[in-house]
Amino acid sequence: QVQLVESGGGLVQPGGSLRLSCAASGTTFSIFTMGWYRQAPGKQHELVAFINSRGSTSYADSVKGQFTISRDNAKNTVYLQMNSLKPEDTAVYYCNAIRFGAPLYTWGQGTQVTVSS
């Protein structure tokens, strides 16, 4: 059974930084493209960044230059470094494997990021 466990969220002031982690178990992590999604209240999941098995990355325009995704295949973990955070980055953040352009697994519990002064 695949399990995705996100952590690292919290309350941060505008301009601050957070580093999110997502630990995966029960899957052959290294072969999959992994993505970070976010869901703001009343909205659908939005893909903000993904990294493929070779380490190539891609970002939504809204976070380009602000977020950095990385992965450690030895630890079955994917990270999201978020800098210069803005109130509009407030959301629950989730990770998932991506296959054929869609999230592959059941969502984990996510981690709440709140950007507010």
C-alpha atoms as a PDB file:
ATOM      1  CA  GLN A   1       0.000   0.000   0.000  1.00  0.00           C
ATOM      2  CA  VAL A   2       1.418   3.348  -1.058  1.00  0.00           C
ATOM      3  CA  GLN A   3       1.681   6.012   1.591  1.00  0.00           C
ATOM      4  CA  LEU A   4       2.603   9.658   1.039  1.00  0.00           C
ATOM      5  CA  VAL A   5       3.405  11.694   4.144  1.00  0.00           C
ATOM      6  CA  GLU A   6       3.904  15.432   3.773  1.00  0.00           C
ATOM      7  CA  SER A   7       5.482  17.605   6.445  1.00  0.00           C
ATOM      8  CA  GLY A   8       7.155  20.953   6.996  1.00  0.00           C
ATOM      9  CA  GLY A   9       4.243  23.338   6.643  1.00  0.00           C
ATOM     10  CA  GLY A  10       3.348  26.071   9.076  1.00  0.00           C
ATOM     11  CA  LEU A  11       2.594  29.731   9.588  1.00  0.00           C
ATOM     12  CA  VAL A  12       5.107  32.108   8.052  1.00  0.00           C
ATOM     13  CA  GLN A  13       5.218  35.841   7.425  1.00  0.00           C
ATOM     14  CA  PRO A  14       5.246  37.202   3.880  1.00  0.00           C
ATOM     15  CA  GLY A  15       8.753  36.976   2.482  1.00  0.00           C
ATOM     16  CA  GLY A  16       9.603  33.991   4.631  1.00  0.00           C
ATOM     17  CA  SER A  17      10.685  30.506   3.633  1.00  0.00           C
ATOM     18  CA  LEU A  18       9.614  26.942   4.288  1.00  0.00           C
ATOM     19  CA  ARG A  19      10.928  23.560   3.191  1.00  0.00           C
ATOM     20  CA  LEU A  20       8.354  20.849   2.673  1.00  0.00           C
ATOM     21  CA  SER A  21       9.152  17.146   2.667  1.00  0.00           C
ATOM     22  CA  CYS A  22       7.206  14.198   1.328  1.00  0.00           C
ATOM     23  CA  ALA A  23       8.174  10.676   2.306  1.00  0.00           C
ATOM     24  CA  ALA A  24       6.853   7.884   0.108  1.00  0.00           C
ATOM     25  CA  SER A  25       6.568   4.230   1.026  1.00  0.00           C
ATOM     26  CA  GLY A  26       5.200   1.176  -0.706  1.00  0.00           C
ATOM     27  CA  THR A  27       6.221   2.311  -4.166  1.00  0.00           C
ATOM     28  CA  THR A  28       9.228   2.181  -6.449  1.00  0.00           C
ATOM     29  CA  PHE A  29       9.831   5.856  -5.813  1.00  0.00           C
ATOM     30  CA  SER A  30      12.866   6.398  -8.014  1.00  0.00           C
ATOM     31  CA  ILE A  31      11.158   5.533 -11.301  1.00  0.00           C
ATOM     32  CA  PHE A  32       8.325   8.006 -10.994  1.00  0.00           C
ATOM     33  CA  THR A  33       7.962  11.665 -11.758  1.00  0.00           C
ATOM     34  CA  MET A  34       7.021  13.307  -8.466  1.00  0.00           C
ATOM     35  CA  GLY A  35       5.033  16.481  -8.120  1.00  0.00           C
ATOM     36  CA  TRP A  36       3.988  19.002  -5.516  1.00  0.00           C
ATOM     37  CA  TYR A  37       0.407  20.204  -5.679  1.00  0.00           C
ATOM     38  CA  ARG A  38      -1.465  22.751  -3.621  1.00  0.00           C
ATOM     39  CA  GLN A  39      -5.114  23.242  -2.887  1.00  0.00           C
ATOM     40  CA  ALA A  40      -6.459  26.555  -1.677  1.00  0.00           C
ATOM     41  CA  PRO A  41      -9.900  26.679  -0.028  1.00  0.00           C
ATOM     42  CA  GLY A  42     -12.655  26.144  -2.550  1.00  0.00           C
ATOM     43  CA  LYS A  43     -10.241  25.355  -5.374  1.00  0.00           C
ATOM     44  CA  GLN A  44      -8.962  22.247  -7.109  1.00  0.00           C
ATOM     45  CA  HIS A  45      -5.498  20.819  -6.766  1.00  0.00           C
ATOM     46  CA  GLU A  46      -2.921  22.882  -8.650  1.00  0.00           C
ATOM     47  CA  LEU A  47       0.366  21.333  -9.782  1.00  0.00           C
ATOM     48  CA  VAL A  48       3.138  23.753  -8.807  1.00  0.00           C
ATOM     49  CA  ALA A  49       6.297  21.746  -9.524  1.00  0.00           C
ATOM     50  CA  PHE A  50       7.448  18.340 -10.654  1.00  0.00           C
ATOM     51  CA  ILE A  51      10.704  16.457 -11.004  1.00  0.00           C
ATOM     52  CA  ASN A  52      11.267  13.430 -13.195  1.00  0.00           C
ATOM     53  CA  SER A  53      13.338  10.333 -12.468  1.00  0.00           C
ATOM     54  CA  ARG A  54      16.422  11.941 -14.027  1.00  0.00           C
ATOM     55  CA  GLY A  55      16.108  15.099 -11.927  1.00  0.00           C
ATOM     56  CA  SER A  56      14.726  17.435 -14.569  1.00  0.00           C
ATOM     57  CA  THR A  57      12.312  19.950 -13.083  1.00  0.00           C
ATOM     58  CA  SER A  58       9.400  22.083 -14.174  1.00  0.00           C
ATOM     59  CA  TYR A  59       7.424  24.794 -12.406  1.00  0.00           C
ATOM     60  CA  ALA A  60       4.125  26.586 -12.705  1.00  0.00           C
ATOM     61  CA  ASP A  61       4.584  30.166 -13.833  1.00  0.00           C
ATOM     62  CA  SER A  62       3.180  31.358 -10.511  1.00  0.00           C
ATOM     63  CA  VAL A  63       6.107  29.877  -8.547  1.00  0.00           C
ATOM     64  CA  LYS A  64       8.962  29.940 -11.059  1.00  0.00           C
ATOM     65  CA  GLY A  65      12.068  31.403  -9.460  1.00  0.00           C
ATOM     66  CA  GLN A  66      10.441  31.177  -6.038  1.00  0.00           C
ATOM     67  CA  PHE A  67      10.102  27.410  -5.392  1.00  0.00           C
ATOM     68  CA  THR A  68      12.675  24.653  -5.903  1.00  0.00           C
ATOM     69  CA  ILE A  69      11.800  20.966  -6.070  1.00  0.00           C
ATOM     70  CA  SER A  70      14.348  18.256  -5.388  1.00  0.00           C
ATOM     71  CA  ARG A  71      14.393  14.572  -4.560  1.00  0.00           C
ATOM     72  CA  ASP A  72      16.501  12.060  -2.661  1.00  0.00           C
ATOM     73  CA  ASN A  73      15.817   8.620  -4.108  1.00  0.00           C
ATOM     74  CA  ALA A  74      17.822   6.903  -1.368  1.00  0.00           C
ATOM     75  CA  LYS A  75      15.374   8.324   1.159  1.00  0.00           C
ATOM     76  CA  ASN A  76      12.252   8.022  -1.030  1.00  0.00           C
ATOM     77  CA  THR A  77      11.666  11.700  -0.326  1.00  0.00           C
ATOM     78  CA  VAL A  78      10.818  14.725  -2.432  1.00  0.00           C
ATOM     79  CA  TYR A  79      11.286  18.283  -1.185  1.00  0.00           C
ATOM     80  CA  LEU A  80       9.899  21.705  -1.979  1.00  0.00           C
ATOM     81  CA  GLN A  81      11.930  24.724  -0.940  1.00  0.00           C
ATOM     82  CA  MET A  82       9.655  27.755  -0.900  1.00  0.00           C
ATOM     83  CA  ASN A  83      11.151  31.228  -0.681  1.00  0.00           C
ATOM     84  CA  SER A  84       9.731  34.740  -0.746  1.00  0.00           C
ATOM     85  CA  LEU A  85       6.374  33.396   0.290  1.00  0.00           C
ATOM     86  CA  LYS A  86       3.261  35.444  -0.424  1.00  0.00           C
ATOM     87  CA  PRO A  87      -0.248  35.313   1.053  1.00  0.00           C
ATOM     88  CA  GLU A  88      -1.475  33.775  -2.200  1.00  0.00           C
ATOM     89  CA  ASP A  89       0.787  30.768  -1.552  1.00  0.00           C
ATOM     90  CA  THR A  90      -1.475  29.840   1.360  1.00  0.00           C
ATOM     91  CA  ALA A  91      -2.843  26.348   0.714  1.00  0.00           C
ATOM     92  CA  VAL A  92      -2.597  22.728   1.721  1.00  0.00           C
ATOM     93  CA  TYR A  93       0.382  21.230  -0.087  1.00  0.00           C
ATOM     94  CA  TYR A  94       0.419  17.636  -1.297  1.00  0.00           C
ATOM     95  CA  CYS A  95       2.863  15.451  -3.150  1.00  0.00           C
ATOM     96  CA  ASN A  96       2.049  12.655  -5.544  1.00  0.00           C
ATOM     97  CA  ALA A  97       3.553  10.558  -8.259  1.00  0.00           C
ATOM     98  CA  ILE A  98       2.545  11.649 -11.737  1.00  0.00           C
ATOM     99  CA  ARG A  99       1.703   9.240 -14.518  1.00  0.00           C
ATOM    100  CA  PHE A 100       0.301  10.256 -17.904  1.00  0.00           C
ATOM    101  CA  GLY A 101      -0.015  13.773 -16.564  1.00  0.00           C
ATOM    102  CA  ALA A 102      -2.250  12.898 -13.627  1.00  0.00           C
ATOM    103  CA  PRO A 103      -1.715  12.141  -9.938  1.00  0.00           C
ATOM    104  CA  LEU A 104      -1.258   8.431  -9.494  1.00  0.00           C
ATOM    105  CA  TYR A 105      -2.034   7.700  -5.867  1.00  0.00           C
ATOM    106  CA  THR A 106      -4.615   8.558  -3.253  1.00  0.00           C
ATOM    107  CA  TRP A 107      -3.819  11.885  -1.681  1.00  0.00           C
ATOM    108  CA  GLY A 108      -2.046  11.984   1.672  1.00  0.00           C
ATOM    109  CA  GLN A 109      -3.051  14.308   4.472  1.00  0.00           C
ATOM    110  CA  GLY A 110      -1.072  17.224   3.045  1.00  0.00           C
ATOM    111  CA  THR A 111       0.675  19.946   4.992  1.00  0.00           C
ATOM    112  CA  GLN A 112      -0.858  23.363   5.619  1.00  0.00           C
ATOM    113  CA  VAL A 113       1.096  26.435   4.582  1.00  0.00           C
ATOM    114  CA  THR A 114      -0.250  29.758   5.803  1.00  0.00           C
ATOM    115  CA  VAL A 115       1.425  32.995   4.783  1.00  0.00           C
ATOM    116  CA  SER A 116       0.199  35.858   6.880  1.00  0.00           C
ATOM    117  CA  SER A 117       1.464  38.770   8.917  1.00  0.00           C
END
